[in-house]
Amino acid sequence: MQISDAESVVMDVLWQRHPLAADDVVAALSSQQDWQEATVKTLLNRLLNKGAIAATKDGRRYLYSPQLKREDWVHAESRGLLERLFDGRVAPLVAHFSQHRKLSRKDIAELRKLIEEIDDGQP
């Protein structure tokens, strides 16, 4: 499921806490986005139409909850990034970041540990 960058901002709010009314989403975003209430409601409707969220009636308002799991979205997005930019391979991605000095010592240590864990699990 494709969701835009703006829609992902709304999804982040709902992944952190749900169910929420539109007003609650607007309030949660007010400190980080300069969006009008109508913009947030438009984004909620787009997400609703895509099936990324669900709405349940609560009196005179609707409460929104995510249907799309964050883990599933992250997986699809990261796979798409790898396919588009690095022919589906992780090593060129890591090489890119290392060449541009975007890997900290902590990042490198975590990568080494991950590689060791992967190696230990291989036959």
C-alpha atoms as a PDB file:
ATOM      1  CA  MET A   1       0.000   0.000   0.000  1.00  0.00           C
ATOM      2  CA  GLN A   2       1.437   3.328  -1.065  1.00  0.00           C
ATOM      3  CA  ILE A   3       1.103   6.198   1.353  1.00  0.00           C
ATOM      4  CA  SER A   4       2.551   9.656   0.790  1.00  0.00           C
ATOM      5  CA  ASP A   5       5.054  11.395   3.042  1.00  0.00           C
ATOM      6  CA  ALA A   6       2.289  13.610   4.462  1.00  0.00           C
ATOM      7  CA  GLU A   7       0.053  10.605   5.066  1.00  0.00           C
ATOM      8  CA  SER A   8       2.899   8.840   6.859  1.00  0.00           C
ATOM      9  CA  VAL A   9       3.116  11.756   9.307  1.00  0.00           C
ATOM     10  CA  VAL A  10      -0.551  11.209  10.197  1.00  0.00           C
ATOM     11  CA  MET A  11       0.039   7.462  10.409  1.00  0.00           C
ATOM     12  CA  ASP A  12       2.899   8.054  12.868  1.00  0.00           C
ATOM     13  CA  VAL A  13       0.479   9.792  15.206  1.00  0.00           C
ATOM     14  CA  LEU A  14      -2.002   6.912  14.963  1.00  0.00           C
ATOM     15  CA  TRP A  15       0.694   4.249  15.335  1.00  0.00           C
ATOM     16  CA  GLN A  16       1.781   5.895  18.580  1.00  0.00           C
ATOM     17  CA  ARG A  17      -1.698   6.235  20.035  1.00  0.00           C
ATOM     18  CA  HIS A  18      -5.153   5.171  18.900  1.00  0.00           C
ATOM     19  CA  PRO A  19      -8.037   5.429  18.520  1.00  0.00           C
ATOM     20  CA  LEU A  20      -8.025   9.189  18.039  1.00  0.00           C
ATOM     21  CA  ALA A  21     -10.578  11.712  16.823  1.00  0.00           C
ATOM     22  CA  ALA A  22      -9.577  14.073  14.006  1.00  0.00           C
ATOM     23  CA  ASP A  23      -9.223  16.914  16.519  1.00  0.00           C
ATOM     24  CA  ASP A  24      -6.776  14.813  18.549  1.00  0.00           C
ATOM     25  CA  VAL A  25      -4.688  14.138  15.433  1.00  0.00           C
ATOM     26  CA  VAL A  26      -4.687  17.863  14.600  1.00  0.00           C
ATOM     27  CA  ALA A  27      -3.564  18.671  18.158  1.00  0.00           C
ATOM     28  CA  ALA A  28      -0.815  16.044  18.063  1.00  0.00           C
ATOM     29  CA  LEU A  29       0.522  17.455  14.798  1.00  0.00           C
ATOM     30  CA  SER A  30       0.249  21.139  15.714  1.00  0.00           C
ATOM     31  CA  SER A  31       3.730  21.298  17.221  1.00  0.00           C
ATOM     32  CA  GLN A  32       5.453  19.659  14.264  1.00  0.00           C
ATOM     33  CA  GLN A  33       3.396  20.646  11.205  1.00  0.00           C
ATOM     34  CA  ASP A  34       1.866  23.905  10.066  1.00  0.00           C
ATOM     35  CA  TRP A  35      -1.258  22.194   8.714  1.00  0.00           C
ATOM     36  CA  GLN A  36      -4.801  23.438   8.906  1.00  0.00           C
ATOM     37  CA  GLU A  37      -7.492  21.168  10.330  1.00  0.00           C
ATOM     38  CA  ALA A  38      -8.908  20.669   6.819  1.00  0.00           C
ATOM     39  CA  THR A  39      -5.545  19.335   5.616  1.00  0.00           C
ATOM     40  CA  VAL A  40      -5.397  16.740   8.386  1.00  0.00           C
ATOM     41  CA  LYS A  41      -9.002  15.691   7.702  1.00  0.00           C
ATOM     42  CA  THR A  42      -8.200  15.331   3.997  1.00  0.00           C
ATOM     43  CA  LEU A  43      -5.216  13.136   4.845  1.00  0.00           C
ATOM     44  CA  LEU A  44      -7.368  11.047   7.201  1.00  0.00           C
ATOM     45  CA  ASN A  45      -9.947  10.568   4.429  1.00  0.00           C
ATOM     46  CA  ARG A  46      -7.256   9.518   1.948  1.00  0.00           C
ATOM     47  CA  LEU A  47      -5.894   6.989   4.433  1.00  0.00           C
ATOM     48  CA  LEU A  48      -9.417   5.759   5.117  1.00  0.00           C
ATOM     49  CA  ASN A  49     -10.082   5.292   1.387  1.00  0.00           C
ATOM     50  CA  LYS A  50      -6.821   3.366   1.005  1.00  0.00           C
ATOM     51  CA  GLY A  51      -7.705   1.080   3.908  1.00  0.00           C
ATOM     52  CA  ALA A  52      -4.673   2.195   5.923  1.00  0.00           C
ATOM     53  CA  ILE A  53      -6.941   3.307   8.772  1.00  0.00           C
ATOM     54  CA  ALA A  54     -10.424   2.506  10.002  1.00  0.00           C
ATOM     55  CA  ALA A  55     -13.022   4.807  11.518  1.00  0.00           C
ATOM     56  CA  THR A  56     -15.595   3.973  14.153  1.00  0.00           C
ATOM     57  CA  LYS A  57     -18.440   6.280  15.047  1.00  0.00           C
ATOM     58  CA  ASP A  58     -18.331   7.668  18.573  1.00  0.00           C
ATOM     59  CA  GLY A  59     -21.325   9.906  19.077  1.00  0.00           C
ATOM     60  CA  ARG A  60     -20.994  12.810  16.624  1.00  0.00           C
ATOM     61  CA  ARG A  61     -17.364  12.106  15.760  1.00  0.00           C
ATOM     62  CA  TYR A  62     -15.216   9.338  14.331  1.00  0.00           C
ATOM     63  CA  LEU A  63     -12.294   7.662  16.003  1.00  0.00           C
ATOM     64  CA  TYR A  64      -9.436   6.581  13.747  1.00  0.00           C
ATOM     65  CA  SER A  65      -7.182   3.563  14.204  1.00  0.00           C
ATOM     66  CA  PRO A  66      -4.428   2.177  11.976  1.00  0.00           C
ATOM     67  CA  GLN A  67      -5.137  -0.933   9.931  1.00  0.00           C
ATOM     68  CA  LEU A  68      -1.732  -0.884   8.270  1.00  0.00           C
ATOM     69  CA  LYS A  69       0.936  -2.100  10.668  1.00  0.00           C
ATOM     70  CA  ARG A  70       3.998   0.114  10.935  1.00  0.00           C
ATOM     71  CA  GLU A  71       6.286  -2.898  10.519  1.00  0.00           C
ATOM     72  CA  ASP A  72       4.578  -3.838   7.229  1.00  0.00           C
ATOM     73  CA  TRP A  73       4.876  -0.285   5.920  1.00  0.00           C
ATOM     74  CA  VAL A  74       8.549  -0.003   6.920  1.00  0.00           C
ATOM     75  CA  HIS A  75       9.271  -3.347   5.247  1.00  0.00           C
ATOM     76  CA  ALA A  76       7.600  -2.298   1.988  1.00  0.00           C
ATOM     77  CA  GLU A  77       9.234   1.138   1.987  1.00  0.00           C
ATOM     78  CA  SER A  78      12.718  -0.195   2.717  1.00  0.00           C
ATOM     79  CA  ARG A  79      12.373  -2.939   0.106  1.00  0.00           C
ATOM     80  CA  GLY A  80      11.251  -0.353  -2.444  1.00  0.00           C
ATOM     81  CA  LEU A  81      14.192   1.895  -1.594  1.00  0.00           C
ATOM     82  CA  LEU A  82      16.661  -0.959  -1.986  1.00  0.00           C
ATOM     83  CA  GLU A  83      15.122  -1.985  -5.316  1.00  0.00           C
ATOM     84  CA  ARG A  84      15.039   1.553  -6.736  1.00  0.00           C
ATOM     85  CA  LEU A  85      18.464   2.715  -5.645  1.00  0.00           C
ATOM     86  CA  PHE A  86      20.623  -0.347  -5.017  1.00  0.00           C
ATOM     87  CA  ASP A  87      19.270  -3.134  -7.244  1.00  0.00           C
ATOM     88  CA  GLY A  88      17.782  -4.829  -4.187  1.00  0.00           C
ATOM     89  CA  ARG A  89      21.133  -5.274  -2.445  1.00  0.00           C
ATOM     90  CA  VAL A  90      22.017  -4.144   1.085  1.00  0.00           C
ATOM     91  CA  ALA A  91      25.823  -4.030   0.707  1.00  0.00           C
ATOM     92  CA  PRO A  92      25.802  -1.094  -1.761  1.00  0.00           C
ATOM     93  CA  LEU A  93      23.475   0.790   0.601  1.00  0.00           C
ATOM     94  CA  VAL A  94      25.898   0.369   3.507  1.00  0.00           C
ATOM     95  CA  ALA A  95      28.822   1.249   1.227  1.00  0.00           C
ATOM     96  CA  HIS A  96      27.031   4.429   0.181  1.00  0.00           C
ATOM     97  CA  PHE A  97      26.610   5.555   3.780  1.00  0.00           C
ATOM     98  CA  SER A  98      30.173   4.625   4.691  1.00  0.00           C
ATOM     99  CA  GLN A  99      31.590   6.560   1.710  1.00  0.00           C
ATOM    100  CA  HIS A 100      29.700   9.654   2.784  1.00  0.00           C
ATOM    101  CA  ARG A 101      30.754   9.245   6.415  1.00  0.00           C
ATOM    102  CA  LYS A 102      27.217   8.773   7.647  1.00  0.00           C
ATOM    103  CA  LEU A 103      28.055   5.755   9.814  1.00  0.00           C
ATOM    104  CA  SER A 104      29.003   6.399  13.417  1.00  0.00           C
ATOM    105  CA  ARG A 105      31.233   4.073  15.436  1.00  0.00           C
ATOM    106  CA  LYS A 106      28.071   2.851  17.138  1.00  0.00           C
ATOM    107  CA  ASP A 107      26.461   2.113  13.740  1.00  0.00           C
ATOM    108  CA  ILE A 108      29.538   0.138  12.680  1.00  0.00           C
ATOM    109  CA  ALA A 109      29.556  -1.843  15.929  1.00  0.00           C
ATOM    110  CA  GLU A 110      25.853  -2.657  15.489  1.00  0.00           C
ATOM    111  CA  LEU A 111      26.448  -3.754  11.886  1.00  0.00           C
ATOM    112  CA  ARG A 112      29.338  -6.007  12.966  1.00  0.00           C
ATOM    113  CA  LYS A 113      27.154  -7.579  15.654  1.00  0.00           C
ATOM    114  CA  LEU A 114      24.324  -8.098  13.170  1.00  0.00           C
ATOM    115  CA  ILE A 115      26.669  -9.728  10.635  1.00  0.00           C
ATOM    116  CA  GLU A 116      28.033 -12.044  13.328  1.00  0.00           C
ATOM    117  CA  GLU A 117      24.479 -13.025  14.304  1.00  0.00           C
ATOM    118  CA  ILE A 118      23.612 -13.688  10.665  1.00  0.00           C
ATOM    119  CA  ASP A 119      26.810 -15.729  10.187  1.00  0.00           C
ATOM    120  CA  ASP A 120      26.061 -17.773  13.324  1.00  0.00           C
ATOM    121  CA  GLY A 121      22.615 -18.622  11.954  1.00  0.00           C
ATOM    122  CA  GLN A 122      23.926 -19.794   8.556  1.00  0.00           C
ATOM    123  CA  PRO A 123      24.554 -23.510   7.904  1.00  0.00           C
END
